[in-house]
Amino acid sequence: MNERMPFVIYVFALCAFALGFTEFVTIGLVSNISADLHTSISQVGTAVTAYALGAVIGAPGLTALATRWPRKRLLLVAMGLFTLGNAIVSLSEALTPMLIARFTSGLGHGVFLAVASSVATQLVGRNRAGAAVAVVFGGLTLALALGVPLGTYLGSLLNWQVIFMAVAASGAIGFMGLLFLMPTDHNDASAQANAMDGLKTMFNPRLLAGAGITVLAYAGSFALYTYISPILLQVTQVGESTSSLLMLCYGIMAAIGNIWGGRLTDRKGADYAVMVALVGLAVVLLAIWVSASSLVLMVLLVGLLGALTYAAVPALQARVIGLSHDDAPQASAVAAGLNIAGFNGGIALGSILGGIALESAGLMSTAWVGAAIVTLGIFWMLWQKYRFR
């Protein structure tokens, strides 16, 4: 258990940090970009949607179509797309080219995370799959912790174009790291597969059911988290600075939860770790519903929300990759891509359902609606365990 991780997995984590940073930093730069491009904040907000849409399509779709490609080549193309997209964003003087470039870099994001998490588990073996996925996604959760606050701060000092050019430079460094440090596997299992195998994997009932748990877990968590800022300001009644500190606490606990979730997955198995995260999320969301007026309790609960939401990442990803070893051994990256699409789809669905709850039943209804969605995920998980046993 104490064997060192292959160094290339840390290169994957560095690349994942760049991917996550550009996704989250945009949230902190929306006002700056809208002023520069003379467009509304809501229009610039579609740059976040365009990136997420690229990730949802790229993760399973492009990965399936490129099933025969060697993993190293596919990762290099993904980082190339990501780097090019961010370079074009940094040079954009209008909204349309920026949205196209954001979508393109999102495609690279989806493909990279799908393939990198799959390759990482192959490099270390199934008994350390959770820890390997946690390292890869550790870069992403660190970007979550730092992306919005750091982006907002840097946006006050630097032109937003400079920040996206720095992200493109980080992508180029990641590309060079993959080129020189990732071994070429001449026995790559993908060489025996074809695009039809990949596309069939996308519609495998067992893998779709597994990714469905991810959609429900993240829809439940983000039904509330999308609206956590107004909850803290209006219900907990804290100031902007305290709210920002609580957001940072969420991000730091997310990074810790990600590592813990990976270790729990390796010790107890992916099914156990997923169930712990889901039950924990449901309890925390209900606790926020009844305790949102207490600052002391909200400090604890917001931290736990971050920890449990991201403890689920390595567990859910390792679980779906594990299922693919039995159902689609030649297309595990496509299975991983389904789950990446599940994360992004769940976040989008959660923000929509949370918005509907907010409009129809008030701000705090987002908490119990989120808990209900996660509870549905718990029953869906239990049904799968009996259905596919």
Protein backbone atom coordinates (compact mmCIF):
# COMPACT_ATOMS: atom_id res chain seq x y z
CA MET A 1 0.00 0.00 0.00
CA ASN A 2 2.99 2.33 0.51
CA GLU A 3 4.35 1.96 -3.01
CA ARG A 4 4.96 5.28 -4.72
CA MET A 5 2.59 6.43 -7.44
CA PRO A 6 4.05 6.53 -10.97
CA PHE A 7 5.28 10.10 -11.53
CA VAL A 8 3.13 10.58 -14.64
CA ILE A 9 0.01 10.46 -12.41
CA TYR A 10 1.23 13.70 -10.81
CA VAL A 11 1.58 15.16 -14.33
CA PHE A 12 -2.07 14.20 -14.84
CA ALA A 13 -2.89 16.09 -11.60
CA LEU A 14 -1.04 19.20 -12.85
CA CYS A 15 -3.01 19.08 -16.10
CA ALA A 16 -6.26 18.58 -14.13
CA PHE A 17 -5.42 21.70 -12.08
CA ALA A 18 -5.16 23.75 -15.30
CA LEU A 19 -8.46 22.24 -16.53
CA GLY A 20 -10.28 23.03 -13.30
CA PHE A 21 -8.72 26.46 -12.90
CA THR A 22 -9.94 27.72 -16.28
CA GLU A 23 -13.44 26.32 -15.53
CA PHE A 24 -13.76 28.04 -12.15
CA VAL A 25 -11.64 31.19 -12.70
CA THR A 26 -14.17 32.43 -15.26
CA ILE A 27 -16.77 32.78 -12.48
CA GLY A 28 -14.50 35.29 -10.74
CA LEU A 29 -13.78 37.21 -13.97
CA VAL A 30 -17.33 37.54 -15.38
CA SER A 31 -17.65 41.25 -14.49
CA ASN A 32 -14.26 42.14 -16.01
CA ILE A 33 -14.97 40.24 -19.24
CA SER A 34 -18.46 41.72 -19.66
CA ALA A 35 -17.09 45.27 -19.27
CA ASP A 36 -14.31 44.64 -21.81
CA LEU A 37 -16.49 42.91 -24.42
CA HIS A 38 -19.45 45.31 -23.88
CA THR A 39 -21.89 42.44 -23.20
CA SER A 40 -24.15 41.60 -20.27
CA ILE A 41 -22.99 39.51 -17.33
CA SER A 42 -25.58 36.83 -18.20
CA GLN A 43 -24.18 36.56 -21.76
CA VAL A 44 -20.64 36.16 -20.43
CA GLY A 45 -22.06 33.57 -18.01
CA THR A 46 -22.76 31.38 -21.04
CA ALA A 47 -18.96 30.99 -21.32
CA VAL A 48 -19.19 28.78 -18.21
CA THR A 49 -22.05 26.80 -19.81
CA ALA A 50 -20.16 26.43 -23.12
CA TYR A 51 -17.17 24.92 -21.31
CA ALA A 52 -19.33 22.48 -19.31
CA LEU A 53 -21.23 21.48 -22.46
CA GLY A 54 -17.93 20.73 -24.20
CA ALA A 55 -16.89 18.55 -21.25
CA VAL A 56 -20.23 16.65 -21.27
CA ILE A 57 -19.96 15.92 -25.02
CA GLY A 58 -16.20 15.35 -25.12
CA ALA A 59 -15.87 12.95 -22.19
CA PRO A 60 -17.89 9.99 -23.53
CA GLY A 61 -18.43 11.03 -27.17
CA LEU A 62 -14.95 11.91 -28.45
CA THR A 63 -13.36 9.26 -26.21
CA ALA A 64 -15.65 6.64 -27.78
CA LEU A 65 -14.91 7.76 -31.34
CA ALA A 66 -11.15 7.64 -30.64
CA THR A 67 -11.27 4.23 -28.90
CA ARG A 68 -8.53 2.77 -31.16
CA TRP A 69 -6.12 5.61 -30.50
CA PRO A 70 -3.22 4.94 -28.11
CA ARG A 71 -3.96 6.56 -24.75
CA LYS A 72 -0.87 8.79 -24.92
CA ARG A 73 -1.89 10.26 -28.29
CA LEU A 74 -5.45 10.88 -27.07
CA LEU A 75 -4.21 12.69 -23.93
CA LEU A 76 -1.86 14.84 -26.04
CA VAL A 77 -4.69 15.78 -28.43
CA ALA A 78 -6.96 16.61 -25.44
CA MET A 79 -4.34 18.90 -23.87
CA GLY A 80 -3.62 20.41 -27.29
CA LEU A 81 -7.33 21.28 -27.74
CA PHE A 82 -7.46 22.70 -24.22
CA THR A 83 -4.33 24.82 -24.70
CA LEU A 84 -5.42 26.12 -28.12
CA GLY A 85 -8.90 26.96 -26.80
CA ASN A 86 -7.51 29.02 -23.90
CA ALA A 87 -5.03 30.82 -26.17
CA ILE A 88 -7.94 31.85 -28.45
CA VAL A 89 -9.99 32.99 -25.41
CA SER A 90 -7.08 35.20 -24.35
CA LEU A 91 -7.07 36.85 -27.81
CA SER A 92 -10.87 37.20 -28.11
CA GLU A 93 -12.31 40.66 -28.65
CA ALA A 94 -15.92 39.51 -29.08
CA LEU A 95 -18.23 37.03 -27.35
CA THR A 96 -18.80 34.55 -30.23
CA PRO A 97 -15.15 33.48 -30.78
CA MET A 98 -14.77 33.26 -27.01
CA LEU A 99 -17.75 30.88 -26.69
CA ILE A 100 -16.45 28.67 -29.53
CA ALA A 101 -13.00 28.58 -27.92
CA ARG A 102 -14.50 27.78 -24.49
CA PHE A 103 -16.50 24.90 -26.00
CA THR A 104 -13.33 23.59 -27.71
CA SER A 105 -11.28 23.71 -24.51
CA GLY A 106 -14.20 22.01 -22.72
CA LEU A 107 -14.01 19.12 -25.21
CA GLY A 108 -10.34 18.70 -24.26
CA HIS A 109 -11.28 18.84 -20.55
CA GLY A 110 -13.78 16.00 -20.88
CA VAL A 111 -11.52 13.72 -22.92
CA PHE A 112 -8.48 14.33 -20.71
CA LEU A 113 -10.18 13.55 -17.38
CA ALA A 114 -11.88 10.45 -18.82
CA VAL A 115 -8.66 8.98 -20.23
CA ALA A 116 -6.29 10.12 -17.46
CA SER A 117 -8.43 8.61 -14.66
CA SER A 118 -8.70 5.35 -16.62
CA VAL A 119 -4.94 5.20 -17.35
CA ALA A 120 -4.10 6.04 -13.71
CA THR A 121 -6.09 3.04 -12.44
CA GLN A 122 -4.35 0.77 -14.98
CA LEU A 123 -0.90 1.99 -13.90
CA VAL A 124 -1.45 1.14 -10.22
CA GLY A 125 -3.89 -1.80 -10.33
CA ARG A 126 -7.41 -2.18 -8.94
CA ASN A 127 -6.35 -2.29 -5.28
CA ARG A 128 -5.09 1.31 -5.47
CA ALA A 129 -7.54 2.64 -8.04
CA GLY A 130 -9.22 5.00 -5.55
CA ALA A 131 -5.95 6.63 -4.49
CA ALA A 132 -4.82 7.03 -8.12
CA VAL A 133 -8.10 8.69 -9.16
CA ALA A 134 -7.90 10.90 -6.04
CA VAL A 135 -4.44 12.16 -7.11
CA VAL A 136 -5.68 12.99 -10.63
CA PHE A 137 -8.79 14.75 -9.31
CA GLY A 138 -6.74 16.35 -6.52
CA GLY A 139 -5.57 18.88 -9.11
CA LEU A 140 -9.18 19.60 -10.00
CA THR A 141 -10.34 20.06 -6.39
CA LEU A 142 -7.34 22.32 -5.65
CA ALA A 143 -8.44 24.42 -8.62
CA LEU A 144 -11.94 24.53 -7.11
CA ALA A 145 -10.51 25.73 -3.78
CA LEU A 146 -8.36 28.44 -5.39
CA GLY A 147 -9.99 29.16 -8.77
CA VAL A 148 -12.81 31.55 -7.85
CA PRO A 149 -11.07 33.52 -5.03
CA LEU A 150 -7.72 33.66 -6.87
CA GLY A 151 -9.42 34.55 -10.17
CA THR A 152 -11.34 37.38 -8.50
CA TYR A 153 -8.14 38.68 -6.89
CA LEU A 154 -6.00 38.40 -10.04
CA GLY A 155 -8.80 40.02 -12.06
CA SER A 156 -8.38 43.13 -9.90
CA LEU A 157 -4.63 43.25 -10.67
CA LEU A 158 -4.29 41.89 -14.22
CA ASN A 159 -6.15 41.99 -17.51
CA TRP A 160 -8.35 38.88 -17.85
CA GLN A 161 -6.64 38.05 -21.19
CA VAL A 162 -3.32 37.68 -19.35
CA ILE A 163 -4.89 35.15 -16.95
CA PHE A 164 -6.22 32.98 -19.81
CA MET A 165 -2.85 33.19 -21.58
CA ALA A 166 -1.23 31.94 -18.33
CA VAL A 167 -3.72 29.03 -18.32
CA ALA A 168 -2.77 28.27 -21.95
CA ALA A 169 0.92 28.31 -20.92
CA SER A 170 0.10 25.86 -18.08
CA GLY A 171 -1.64 23.63 -20.63
CA ALA A 172 1.46 23.75 -22.85
CA ILE A 173 3.66 22.73 -19.87
CA GLY A 174 1.27 19.83 -19.17
CA PHE A 175 1.42 18.84 -22.86
CA MET A 176 5.25 18.73 -22.74
CA GLY A 177 5.12 16.73 -19.49
CA LEU A 178 2.88 14.11 -21.12
CA LEU A 179 5.01 14.03 -24.27
CA PHE A 180 8.26 13.29 -22.43
CA LEU A 181 7.17 11.55 -19.20
CA MET A 182 4.23 9.34 -20.18
CA PRO A 183 5.40 5.92 -21.40
CA THR A 184 4.01 4.66 -24.72
CA ASP A 185 2.18 1.39 -24.09
CA HIS A 186 2.77 -0.84 -27.10
CA ASN A 187 0.28 -3.38 -25.66
CA ASP A 188 -2.46 -0.76 -25.31
CA ALA A 189 -5.80 -2.59 -24.99
CA SER A 190 -7.44 0.17 -26.99
CA ALA A 191 -5.63 -1.07 -30.09
CA GLN A 192 -7.92 -4.13 -30.15
CA ALA A 193 -11.06 -2.02 -29.82
CA ASN A 194 -12.86 0.10 -32.39
CA ALA A 195 -15.20 3.07 -32.45
CA MET A 196 -18.26 0.77 -32.41
CA ASP A 197 -16.99 -0.85 -29.18
CA GLY A 198 -16.66 2.62 -27.70
CA LEU A 199 -20.12 3.71 -28.82
CA LYS A 200 -21.66 0.46 -27.48
CA THR A 201 -19.97 1.16 -24.13
CA MET A 202 -21.71 4.56 -24.02
CA PHE A 203 -25.07 2.74 -24.01
CA ASN A 204 -24.15 -0.17 -21.73
CA PRO A 205 -27.08 -0.36 -19.23
CA ARG A 206 -24.90 -1.21 -16.23
CA LEU A 207 -22.45 1.64 -16.90
CA LEU A 208 -25.27 4.12 -17.58
CA ALA A 209 -26.88 3.07 -14.28
CA GLY A 210 -23.53 3.66 -12.52
CA ALA A 211 -23.16 7.13 -14.07
CA GLY A 212 -26.79 7.82 -13.08
CA ILE A 213 -25.78 7.69 -9.40
CA THR A 214 -23.17 10.39 -10.15
CA VAL A 215 -25.83 12.59 -11.79
CA LEU A 216 -28.14 12.28 -8.74
CA ALA A 217 -25.34 12.82 -6.19
CA TYR A 218 -24.11 16.00 -7.88
CA ALA A 219 -27.58 17.29 -8.78
CA GLY A 220 -28.49 17.01 -5.08
CA SER A 221 -25.34 18.70 -3.84
CA PHE A 222 -25.39 21.54 -6.40
CA ALA A 223 -29.14 22.19 -6.06
CA LEU A 224 -28.05 23.84 -2.80
CA TYR A 225 -24.41 24.79 -3.46
CA THR A 226 -25.26 26.86 -6.56
CA TYR A 227 -27.22 29.16 -4.22
CA ILE A 228 -24.98 28.93 -1.13
CA SER A 229 -23.86 32.56 -1.42
CA PRO A 230 -27.39 34.09 -1.10
CA ILE A 231 -28.16 31.57 1.69
CA LEU A 232 -25.12 32.75 3.67
CA LEU A 233 -25.85 36.44 3.02
CA GLN A 234 -29.63 36.39 3.56
CA VAL A 235 -30.33 33.51 5.98
CA THR A 236 -27.08 33.10 7.97
CA GLN A 237 -26.72 36.90 7.63
CA VAL A 238 -22.95 37.13 7.24
CA GLY A 239 -21.00 39.75 5.29
CA GLU A 240 -19.33 39.30 1.88
CA SER A 241 -15.89 38.67 3.42
CA THR A 242 -17.19 35.95 5.78
CA SER A 243 -19.09 34.36 2.89
CA SER A 244 -15.86 34.28 0.83
CA LEU A 245 -14.01 32.63 3.74
CA LEU A 246 -16.71 29.96 3.96
CA MET A 247 -16.37 29.35 0.19
CA LEU A 248 -12.61 28.90 0.71
CA CYS A 249 -13.35 26.52 3.60
CA TYR A 250 -15.62 24.53 1.22
CA GLY A 251 -12.78 24.29 -1.33
CA ILE A 252 -10.11 23.25 1.20
CA MET A 253 -12.41 20.60 2.69
CA ALA A 254 -13.20 19.43 -0.87
CA ALA A 255 -9.47 18.77 -1.43
CA ILE A 256 -9.23 16.89 1.91
CA GLY A 257 -12.43 14.95 1.18
CA ASN A 258 -11.10 13.92 -2.23
CA ILE A 259 -8.02 12.29 -0.64
CA TRP A 260 -10.09 10.66 2.12
CA GLY A 261 -12.59 9.34 -0.44
CA GLY A 262 -9.77 7.73 -2.44
CA ARG A 263 -8.35 5.99 0.65
CA LEU A 264 -11.79 4.83 1.80
CA THR A 265 -12.43 3.39 -1.67
CA ASP A 266 -9.21 1.37 -1.55
CA ARG A 267 -9.79 0.16 2.03
CA LYS A 268 -13.51 -0.67 1.95
CA GLY A 269 -14.40 -0.83 -1.76
CA ALA A 270 -16.07 1.65 -4.11
CA ASP A 271 -19.67 0.60 -3.26
CA TYR A 272 -19.12 1.21 0.46
CA ALA A 273 -17.38 4.57 -0.13
CA VAL A 274 -20.14 5.77 -2.49
CA MET A 275 -22.84 4.84 0.03
CA VAL A 276 -21.03 6.65 2.88
CA ALA A 277 -20.73 9.80 0.73
CA LEU A 278 -24.40 9.69 -0.37
CA VAL A 279 -25.82 9.12 3.12
CA GLY A 280 -23.50 11.82 4.50
CA LEU A 281 -24.61 14.29 1.82
CA ALA A 282 -28.31 13.67 2.50
CA VAL A 283 -27.79 14.22 6.25
CA VAL A 284 -25.71 17.40 5.74
CA LEU A 285 -28.24 18.91 3.30
CA LEU A 286 -31.10 18.29 5.76
CA ALA A 287 -28.96 19.74 8.59
CA ILE A 288 -28.38 22.91 6.51
CA TRP A 289 -32.14 23.16 5.98
CA VAL A 290 -32.79 23.35 9.73
CA SER A 291 -29.57 25.13 10.84
CA ALA A 292 -28.85 27.77 8.18
CA SER A 293 -29.43 30.66 10.61
CA SER A 294 -26.52 29.53 12.84
CA LEU A 295 -23.06 30.72 11.71
CA VAL A 296 -21.24 28.20 13.94
CA LEU A 297 -23.16 25.26 12.49
CA MET A 298 -22.87 26.58 8.91
CA VAL A 299 -19.06 26.73 9.18
CA LEU A 300 -19.12 23.02 10.03
CA LEU A 301 -21.83 22.08 7.52
CA VAL A 302 -20.41 23.99 4.53
CA GLY A 303 -17.03 22.30 5.17
CA LEU A 304 -18.71 18.88 5.40
CA LEU A 305 -20.67 19.58 2.20
CA GLY A 306 -17.38 20.22 0.36
CA ALA A 307 -15.66 17.18 1.89
CA LEU A 308 -18.49 14.72 1.10
CA THR A 309 -19.23 16.10 -2.37
CA TYR A 310 -15.62 15.54 -3.43
CA ALA A 311 -15.04 12.36 -1.39
CA ALA A 312 -17.62 10.92 -3.79
CA VAL A 313 -15.43 11.73 -6.84
CA PRO A 314 -12.78 8.97 -6.59
CA ALA A 315 -15.36 6.50 -5.25
CA LEU A 316 -17.84 7.08 -8.10
CA GLN A 317 -15.11 7.16 -10.75
CA ALA A 318 -13.37 4.01 -9.46
CA ARG A 319 -16.76 2.25 -9.24
CA VAL A 320 -17.68 2.92 -12.89
CA ILE A 321 -14.17 2.04 -14.11
CA GLY A 322 -14.39 -1.17 -12.03
CA LEU A 323 -17.73 -2.04 -13.67
CA SER A 324 -16.14 -1.49 -17.10
CA HIS A 325 -13.45 -4.11 -16.32
CA ASP A 326 -16.25 -6.70 -16.35
CA ASP A 327 -18.55 -5.22 -19.01
CA ALA A 328 -16.24 -3.30 -21.40
CA PRO A 329 -12.55 -4.01 -20.63
CA GLN A 330 -11.35 -2.49 -23.92
CA ALA A 331 -13.20 0.79 -23.42
CA SER A 332 -12.64 1.73 -19.76
CA ALA A 333 -11.81 5.32 -20.78
CA VAL A 334 -15.26 5.63 -22.39
CA ALA A 335 -16.83 4.35 -19.15
CA ALA A 336 -14.80 6.92 -17.22
CA GLY A 337 -16.04 9.52 -19.71
CA LEU A 338 -19.66 8.61 -19.00
CA ASN A 339 -19.00 9.36 -15.35
CA ILE A 340 -17.26 12.69 -16.15
CA ALA A 341 -20.36 13.60 -18.17
CA GLY A 342 -22.40 12.51 -15.12
CA PHE A 343 -20.52 14.98 -12.87
CA ASN A 344 -21.03 17.90 -15.26
CA GLY A 345 -24.60 16.91 -16.11
CA GLY A 346 -25.43 16.59 -12.41
CA ILE A 347 -24.03 20.05 -11.66
CA ALA A 348 -26.11 21.57 -14.48
CA LEU A 349 -29.27 19.65 -13.47
CA GLY A 350 -28.78 20.60 -9.81
CA SER A 351 -28.52 24.31 -10.57
CA ILE A 352 -31.72 24.09 -12.69
CA LEU A 353 -33.71 22.13 -10.06
CA GLY A 354 -32.39 24.37 -7.29
CA GLY A 355 -33.50 27.43 -9.28
CA ILE A 356 -36.99 25.98 -9.73
CA ALA A 357 -37.18 25.19 -5.98
CA LEU A 358 -36.01 28.70 -5.10
CA GLU A 359 -38.63 30.33 -7.34
CA SER A 360 -41.51 28.15 -6.15
CA ALA A 361 -40.78 27.51 -2.46
CA GLY A 362 -38.06 29.96 -1.33
CA LEU A 363 -34.30 29.92 -0.82
CA MET A 364 -34.08 27.23 1.86
CA SER A 365 -36.13 24.75 -0.18
CA THR A 366 -32.91 24.13 -2.18
CA ALA A 367 -31.60 22.18 0.86
CA TRP A 368 -34.46 19.69 1.23
CA VAL A 369 -34.85 19.36 -2.55
CA GLY A 370 -31.11 18.53 -2.72
CA ALA A 371 -31.48 15.98 0.09
CA ALA A 372 -34.44 14.35 -1.71
CA ILE A 373 -32.41 14.03 -4.95
CA VAL A 374 -29.46 12.45 -3.09
CA THR A 375 -31.86 10.07 -1.29
CA LEU A 376 -33.13 9.00 -4.71
CA GLY A 377 -29.47 8.26 -5.53
CA ILE A 378 -29.20 6.05 -2.41
CA PHE A 379 -32.21 3.97 -3.49
CA TRP A 380 -30.88 3.84 -7.06
CA MET A 381 -27.56 2.49 -5.69
CA LEU A 382 -29.31 -0.15 -3.55
CA TRP A 383 -31.44 -1.24 -6.51
CA GLN A 384 -28.31 -1.62 -8.67
CA LYS A 385 -26.55 -3.72 -6.05
CA TYR A 386 -29.43 -6.23 -6.10
CA ARG A 387 -30.24 -5.95 -9.82
CA PHE A 388 -26.69 -6.57 -11.08
CA ARG A 389 -25.46 -8.86 -8.30
